[in-house]
Protein backbone atom coordinates (compact mmCIF):
# COMPACT_ATOMS: atom_id res chain seq x y z
CA MET A 1 62.99 190.48 -9.85
CA PHE A 2 60.26 192.98 -9.04
CA THR A 3 62.92 195.53 -8.07
CA VAL A 4 64.78 195.03 -11.34
CA ALA A 5 61.53 195.34 -13.28
CA ALA A 6 60.61 198.57 -11.45
CA LEU A 7 64.04 200.07 -12.10
CA GLY A 8 63.80 199.06 -15.74
CA LEU A 9 60.41 200.75 -16.04
CA VAL A 10 61.74 203.97 -14.52
CA ALA A 11 64.72 203.95 -16.87
CA PHE A 12 62.46 203.33 -19.86
CA LEU A 13 60.18 206.23 -18.95
CA LEU A 14 63.13 208.58 -18.47
CA VAL A 15 64.54 207.68 -21.88
CA GLU A 16 61.15 207.92 -23.59
CA ALA A 17 60.51 211.37 -22.12
CA ARG A 18 63.61 212.67 -23.92
CA GLN A 19 62.92 211.17 -27.35
CA GLN A 20 61.60 213.24 -30.25
CA GLU A 21 59.75 210.18 -31.60
CA PRO A 22 59.09 207.99 -28.55
CA MET A 23 57.66 204.49 -28.68
CA ILE A 24 55.06 205.58 -26.12
CA GLU A 25 53.60 209.09 -26.10
CA LEU A 26 53.81 209.85 -22.39
CA ARG A 27 51.83 213.06 -22.90
CA PHE A 28 48.75 210.89 -23.48
CA PHE A 29 48.83 210.04 -19.79
CA ARG A 30 48.16 213.66 -18.90
CA SER A 31 44.55 212.81 -19.71
CA ALA A 32 42.89 211.41 -16.60
CA ALA A 33 40.48 209.41 -18.75
CA PHE A 34 43.30 207.85 -20.80
CA SER A 35 45.35 207.01 -17.70
CA GLY A 36 42.26 205.68 -15.94
CA THR A 37 41.31 203.52 -18.92
CA ASN A 38 44.76 201.93 -19.06
CA LEU A 39 44.75 201.30 -15.32
CA ILE A 40 41.31 199.69 -15.59
CA ALA A 41 42.56 197.52 -18.46
CA PHE A 42 45.55 196.54 -16.31
CA LEU A 43 43.32 195.60 -13.36
CA THR A 44 40.84 193.74 -15.57
CA PHE A 45 43.44 191.44 -17.09
CA PHE A 46 45.21 191.16 -13.73
CA SER A 47 41.99 189.64 -12.39
CA LEU A 48 41.01 187.71 -15.53
CA ILE A 49 44.26 185.76 -15.68
CA GLY A 50 44.00 185.06 -11.97
CA PHE A 51 40.44 183.78 -12.41
CA THR A 52 41.49 181.48 -15.25
CA PHE A 53 44.55 180.25 -13.36
CA PHE A 54 42.70 179.46 -10.14
CA ASN A 55 39.71 177.85 -11.84
CA THR A 56 41.95 175.59 -13.88
CA LEU A 57 43.81 174.49 -10.76
CA TYR A 58 40.59 173.98 -8.82
CA PHE A 59 38.80 171.84 -11.37
CA GLN A 60 41.81 169.76 -12.36
CA GLU A 61 43.71 169.44 -9.08
CA ILE A 62 40.84 169.52 -6.58
CA ARG A 63 37.98 167.98 -8.52
CA GLY A 64 40.06 165.69 -10.72
CA TYR A 65 38.55 166.74 -14.07
CA SER A 66 40.47 166.46 -17.32
CA ALA A 67 41.75 169.62 -19.02
CA PHE A 68 38.98 169.34 -21.63
CA HIS A 69 36.26 168.90 -19.03
CA ALA A 70 37.62 171.77 -16.96
CA GLY A 71 37.52 173.96 -20.06
CA LEU A 72 33.88 173.09 -20.69
CA LEU A 73 33.00 174.10 -17.14
CA GLY A 74 34.26 177.60 -17.93
CA LEU A 75 31.82 178.03 -20.82
CA PRO A 76 29.28 180.10 -18.86
CA ALA A 77 31.85 182.89 -18.55
CA THR A 78 32.74 182.72 -22.24
CA LEU A 79 29.14 182.68 -23.42
CA ALA A 80 28.26 185.57 -21.12
CA ILE A 81 31.04 187.66 -22.71
CA VAL A 82 29.60 186.94 -26.16
CA VAL A 83 26.09 187.89 -25.06
CA MET A 84 27.03 191.08 -23.22
CA ALA A 85 29.57 192.53 -25.66
CA PRO A 86 26.98 193.92 -28.15
CA LEU A 87 25.02 195.44 -25.27
CA ALA A 88 28.19 197.12 -24.02
CA GLY A 89 28.72 198.80 -27.38
CA ARG A 90 25.19 200.18 -27.49
CA LEU A 91 25.34 201.33 -23.89
CA ALA A 92 28.69 203.06 -24.41
CA GLY A 93 27.36 204.78 -27.53
CA ALA A 94 24.32 206.08 -25.69
CA ARG A 95 25.76 206.90 -22.26
CA GLY A 96 29.53 206.98 -22.69
CA PRO A 97 32.08 204.25 -21.80
CA GLY A 98 32.16 205.01 -18.08
CA LEU A 99 28.76 203.45 -17.31
CA PRO A 100 29.29 199.98 -18.84
CA ILE A 101 32.85 199.83 -17.48
CA ALA A 102 31.64 200.67 -13.97
CA ILE A 103 28.80 198.13 -14.13
CA GLY A 104 31.02 195.47 -15.69
CA THR A 105 33.88 195.74 -13.21
CA ALA A 106 31.39 195.74 -10.33
CA MET A 107 29.77 192.57 -11.69
CA ALA A 108 33.06 190.78 -12.28
CA GLY A 109 34.55 191.87 -8.97
CA SER A 110 31.45 190.75 -7.08
CA ALA A 111 31.61 187.38 -8.81
CA LEU A 112 35.18 186.80 -7.65
CA LEU A 113 34.25 187.73 -4.09
CA LEU A 114 31.32 185.31 -4.26
CA LEU A 115 33.82 182.57 -5.10
CA LEU A 116 35.21 182.96 -1.59
CA GLY A 117 32.43 180.54 -0.71
CA LEU A 118 33.98 177.83 -2.89
CA ARG A 119 34.73 174.61 -1.02
CA LEU A 120 36.29 171.24 -1.78
CA ASP A 121 32.94 169.67 -2.61
CA THR A 122 30.95 172.65 -3.92
CA ALA A 123 28.46 171.49 -6.56
CA TYR A 124 28.97 172.99 -10.00
CA GLY A 125 25.26 173.73 -10.19
CA SER A 126 25.66 176.29 -7.43
CA ILE A 127 28.57 178.21 -9.00
CA TRP A 128 28.05 178.20 -12.78
CA TRP A 129 25.99 181.38 -12.54
CA VAL A 130 28.89 183.08 -10.71
CA PHE A 131 31.08 182.29 -13.72
CA ALA A 132 28.38 183.76 -15.97
CA LEU A 133 28.26 186.88 -13.80
CA PHE A 134 32.02 187.26 -14.10
CA GLY A 135 31.96 186.79 -17.87
CA GLY A 136 29.02 189.15 -18.28
CA GLY A 137 30.94 191.81 -16.40
CA LEU A 138 33.98 191.39 -18.62
CA GLY A 139 31.77 191.58 -21.69
CA LEU A 140 30.65 195.02 -20.56
CA VAL A 141 34.25 196.16 -20.06
CA PHE A 142 36.27 195.08 -23.11
CA ALA A 143 34.80 197.17 -25.93
CA PRO A 144 34.17 200.36 -23.91
CA THR A 145 37.76 200.42 -22.65
CA ALA A 146 39.00 200.29 -26.24
CA ALA A 147 36.69 203.18 -27.15
CA SER A 148 37.65 205.17 -24.09
CA ALA A 149 41.37 204.76 -24.77
CA VAL A 150 41.17 206.59 -28.10
CA ALA A 151 38.40 209.06 -27.23
CA GLY A 152 39.55 212.65 -27.16
CA LEU A 153 42.83 211.88 -28.97
CA PRO A 154 43.71 212.79 -32.57
CA ARG A 155 42.57 210.14 -35.05
CA SER A 156 46.14 209.88 -36.30
CA GLN A 157 47.18 208.70 -32.82
CA ALA A 158 44.40 206.13 -32.40
CA GLY A 159 46.64 203.21 -33.37
CA LEU A 160 49.30 204.21 -30.84
CA ALA A 161 46.71 204.70 -28.10
CA SER A 162 45.24 201.28 -28.86
CA GLY A 163 48.71 199.73 -28.73
CA ILE A 164 49.33 201.26 -25.31
CA LEU A 165 46.00 199.84 -24.11
CA ASN A 166 46.93 196.35 -25.31
CA THR A 167 50.27 196.68 -23.57
CA SER A 168 48.49 197.60 -20.33
CA ARG A 169 46.34 194.49 -20.69
CA GLN A 170 49.30 192.19 -21.30
CA VAL A 171 51.32 193.67 -18.44
CA GLY A 172 48.29 193.33 -16.16
CA GLY A 173 47.94 189.67 -17.06
CA SER A 174 51.65 189.01 -16.50
CA VAL A 175 51.66 190.77 -13.14
CA GLY A 176 48.45 188.97 -12.20
CA ILE A 177 49.79 185.49 -12.80
CA ALA A 178 53.03 186.32 -10.95
CA LEU A 179 51.57 188.17 -7.98
CA LEU A 180 48.43 186.11 -7.49
CA GLY A 181 50.41 182.93 -7.99
CA ALA A 182 52.83 184.00 -5.27
CA VAL A 183 49.95 184.90 -2.93
CA PHE A 184 48.29 181.55 -3.61
CA SER A 185 51.49 179.60 -2.99
CA THR A 186 52.27 181.44 0.25
CA ARG A 187 48.74 181.04 1.62
CA PHE A 188 48.58 177.40 0.53
CA ARG A 189 51.79 176.39 2.22
CA GLY A 190 50.97 178.47 5.30
CA ALA A 191 47.66 176.63 5.71
CA LEU A 192 49.30 173.20 5.67
CA PRO A 193 50.08 171.47 8.94
CA ALA A 194 53.82 171.31 9.60
CA GLU A 195 53.96 167.54 9.24
CA VAL A 196 52.31 167.73 5.81
CA ARG A 197 54.19 170.82 4.61
CA THR A 198 57.50 169.01 4.65
CA ARG A 199 56.09 166.43 2.24
CA VAL A 200 54.74 168.97 -0.27
CA GLY A 201 57.27 169.88 -2.91
CA GLY A 202 55.42 172.47 -4.99
CA ALA A 203 52.38 174.68 -4.82
CA SER A 204 50.10 171.86 -5.86
CA GLY A 205 52.25 168.94 -4.76
CA GLY A 206 50.81 166.30 -2.49
CA PHE A 207 47.56 165.83 -4.40
CA GLN A 208 48.63 162.47 -5.62
CA ALA A 209 48.97 161.25 -2.04
CA VAL A 210 47.16 157.97 -1.63
CA ALA A 211 45.85 158.58 1.88
CA PRO A 212 42.42 160.28 1.60
CA ALA A 213 43.01 162.15 4.87
CA VAL A 214 46.17 163.73 3.48
CA ARG A 215 44.43 164.62 0.24
CA ARG A 216 41.69 166.41 2.13
CA VAL A 217 44.13 168.39 4.28
CA VAL A 218 46.09 169.46 1.21
CA GLY A 219 42.85 170.21 -0.62
CA GLU A 220 41.57 172.49 2.13
CA ALA A 221 44.88 174.36 2.15
CA PHE A 222 44.66 174.62 -1.62
CA VAL A 223 41.21 176.19 -1.40
CA ALA A 224 42.49 178.63 1.21
CA GLY A 225 45.17 179.66 -1.30
CA ILE A 226 42.76 180.34 -4.13
CA HIS A 227 40.47 182.23 -1.74
CA ALA A 228 43.35 184.63 -1.07
CA GLY A 229 43.79 185.07 -4.81
CA TYR A 230 40.08 185.63 -5.44
CA LEU A 231 39.98 188.26 -2.69
CA ILE A 232 42.81 190.29 -4.23
CA ALA A 233 41.54 189.89 -7.81
CA GLY A 234 37.98 190.83 -6.87
CA SER A 235 39.14 193.85 -4.90
CA ALA A 236 41.24 194.98 -7.88
CA LEU A 237 38.16 194.96 -10.10
CA LEU A 238 36.18 196.99 -7.56
CA VAL A 239 38.99 199.55 -7.61
CA GLY A 240 38.39 199.62 -11.37
CA THR A 241 34.75 200.42 -10.65
CA LEU A 242 35.76 203.46 -8.62
CA LEU A 243 38.12 204.59 -11.38
CA ALA A 244 35.37 204.25 -13.98
CA VAL A 245 32.99 206.33 -11.89
CA THR A 246 35.48 209.08 -11.09
CA LEU A 247 37.73 209.32 -14.16
CA LEU A 248 35.55 208.24 -17.06
CA ALA A 249 32.38 210.08 -16.13
CA ALA A 250 33.58 213.07 -18.15
CA PHE A 251 33.16 211.18 -21.41
CA ARG A 252 29.77 211.56 -23.02
CA PRO A 253 28.69 210.81 -26.58
CA GLY A 254 29.86 213.55 -28.88
CA GLN A 255 32.42 215.06 -26.50
CA ALA A 256 35.27 212.92 -27.78
CA ALA A 257 34.28 213.56 -31.38
CA ALA A 258 34.21 217.28 -30.71
CA ALA A 259 37.68 217.16 -29.23
CA GLN A 260 39.32 215.34 -32.14
CA PRO A 261 39.03 217.94 -34.89
CA ALA A 262 40.64 220.52 -32.60
CA ALA A 263 43.48 218.18 -31.72
CA GLU A 264 44.33 216.97 -35.20
CA PRO A 265 45.26 220.34 -36.69
CA GLN A 266 47.71 220.80 -33.81
CA THR A 267 49.32 217.50 -34.69
CA ALA A 268 49.47 218.45 -38.34
CA MET A 269 50.93 221.86 -37.50
CA ALA A 270 53.60 220.28 -35.32
CA SER A 271 54.41 217.86 -38.13
CA SER A 272 54.72 220.64 -40.71
CA ASP A 273 56.91 222.69 -38.35
CA GLY A 274 59.19 219.74 -37.91
CA THR A 275 59.58 219.13 -41.65
CA GLY A 276 59.73 222.78 -42.63
């Protein structure tokens, strides 16, 4: 499936490169900042969906909470996003989008790596602040990435640039749930003893086993699986930190605005040439 998807992507790019009015303006990606922003958005949602997926499994399958209760336990991350988002806008306006994106991805990535200490019986009181750290990091990333995606481009192309950014986010989330889910499943089943593995049908099967000893063995393997996912997701966010430092540092307040008036007449001229 991954091979088919890769071939389809290559074919799509080849066709788009030859269209007079393409769905995606590939020339946008000549900008290192635009390409970097979309890659950061991809990595952010890659990790976010993985975080949500693993936490849901952990609280419901391992700890036995209901779906509603498990959702409430994720509130620190949600509230931290709400609190940090306005700060991100002010920081991006004063220092450019690179700084809040770098800080935010570093915070969120560090939070996921801290979750490698999660165990079967870890008290919620010792991890809620890690969720808040993760959410606070995301709150610093979301708005600045949107601003960075359209900075330096003609205003008439802002909608298209924003659409490409949203596509990068959605693709990142889809790849995250597929890849991290596969990593989790492989690590989970590999950590099971052979005599237990044959009795486990799915990635989370076996948790309804009556014998407490079996439940604990399966639970420990389950935690090993989500640790593998957290490691990859956290590392992906730290790669985003490096991208923000190296590719987005060129953006400073006023530079993008100065670039737009020069770019828009070129767009208008091309349009008039095409119609004339």
